[in-house]
Amino acid sequence: MTAVSPSYAARILEVQEHGATDEELQPLLAEAITESYFREGGTARAGLRADFRDIEYLQIDF
């Protein structure tokens, strides 16, 4: 489990409120998780990128 930054959470909620589909939200979620979990909120592993593929279950709590 990892927490995403408040700025990403705000962007995700804003896009969702404007009617974005799950498919449209996936790149933003991947970016938020990559930043907070893999890059540790900074420049560590700056070239790393995560993609959502073949997801069977994902639980997100705000």
Protein backbone atom coordinates (compact mmCIF):
# COMPACT_ATOMS: atom_id res chain seq x y z
CA MET A 1 0.00 0.00 0.00
CA THR A 2 1.23 3.48 -0.77
CA ALA A 3 -0.14 6.99 -0.43
CA VAL A 4 -0.05 9.30 -3.42
CA SER A 5 0.73 12.97 -3.05
CA PRO A 6 -2.15 15.37 -2.40
CA SER A 7 -1.55 17.04 -5.77
CA TYR A 8 -2.02 13.73 -7.61
CA ALA A 9 -5.07 12.88 -5.52
CA ALA A 10 -6.60 16.26 -6.39
CA ARG A 11 -5.89 15.75 -10.11
CA ILE A 12 -7.39 12.25 -10.05
CA LEU A 13 -10.54 13.45 -8.28
CA GLU A 14 -10.90 16.43 -10.63
CA VAL A 15 -10.62 14.28 -13.75
CA GLN A 16 -13.01 11.73 -12.27
CA GLU A 17 -15.56 14.45 -11.43
CA HIS A 18 -15.44 15.59 -15.05
CA GLY A 19 -16.59 12.14 -16.17
CA ALA A 20 -13.34 10.40 -17.03
CA THR A 21 -13.64 6.69 -17.69
CA ASP A 22 -11.52 4.08 -15.92
CA GLU A 23 -9.46 3.76 -19.10
CA GLU A 24 -8.81 7.51 -19.10
CA LEU A 25 -7.85 7.46 -15.40
CA GLN A 26 -5.34 4.61 -15.74
CA PRO A 27 -2.38 6.68 -17.05
CA LEU A 28 -2.82 9.26 -14.29
CA LEU A 29 -3.07 6.55 -11.62
CA ALA A 30 0.03 4.85 -12.98
CA GLU A 31 1.92 8.14 -12.90
CA ALA A 32 0.80 8.85 -9.32
CA ILE A 33 1.78 5.38 -8.09
CA THR A 34 5.10 5.50 -9.94
CA GLU A 35 5.93 8.85 -8.37
CA SER A 36 4.99 7.94 -4.82
CA TYR A 37 6.07 4.31 -4.65
CA PHE A 38 8.89 3.74 -7.12
CA ARG A 39 10.42 7.21 -7.29
CA GLU A 40 9.86 7.82 -3.58
CA GLY A 41 8.36 11.27 -4.20
CA GLY A 42 11.52 12.62 -5.77
CA THR A 43 14.08 12.02 -8.46
CA ALA A 44 15.14 8.52 -7.42
CA ARG A 45 14.83 6.22 -10.42
CA ALA A 46 13.65 9.16 -12.53
CA GLY A 47 13.52 7.12 -15.75
CA LEU A 48 11.19 4.49 -14.32
CA ARG A 49 7.62 4.30 -15.63
CA ALA A 50 4.73 2.06 -14.58
CA ASP A 51 1.84 0.94 -16.78
CA PHE A 52 -1.48 -0.64 -15.86
CA ARG A 53 -2.00 -3.91 -17.75
CA ASP A 54 -4.27 -6.86 -17.12
CA ILE A 55 -5.45 -5.53 -13.75
CA GLU A 56 -7.87 -7.91 -12.07
CA TYR A 57 -8.44 -5.95 -8.88
CA LEU A 58 -7.44 -2.53 -7.62
CA GLN A 59 -8.75 -0.87 -4.49
CA ILE A 60 -8.29 2.85 -4.12
CA ASP A 61 -9.42 4.73 -1.01
CA PHE A 62 -9.52 8.49 -0.72
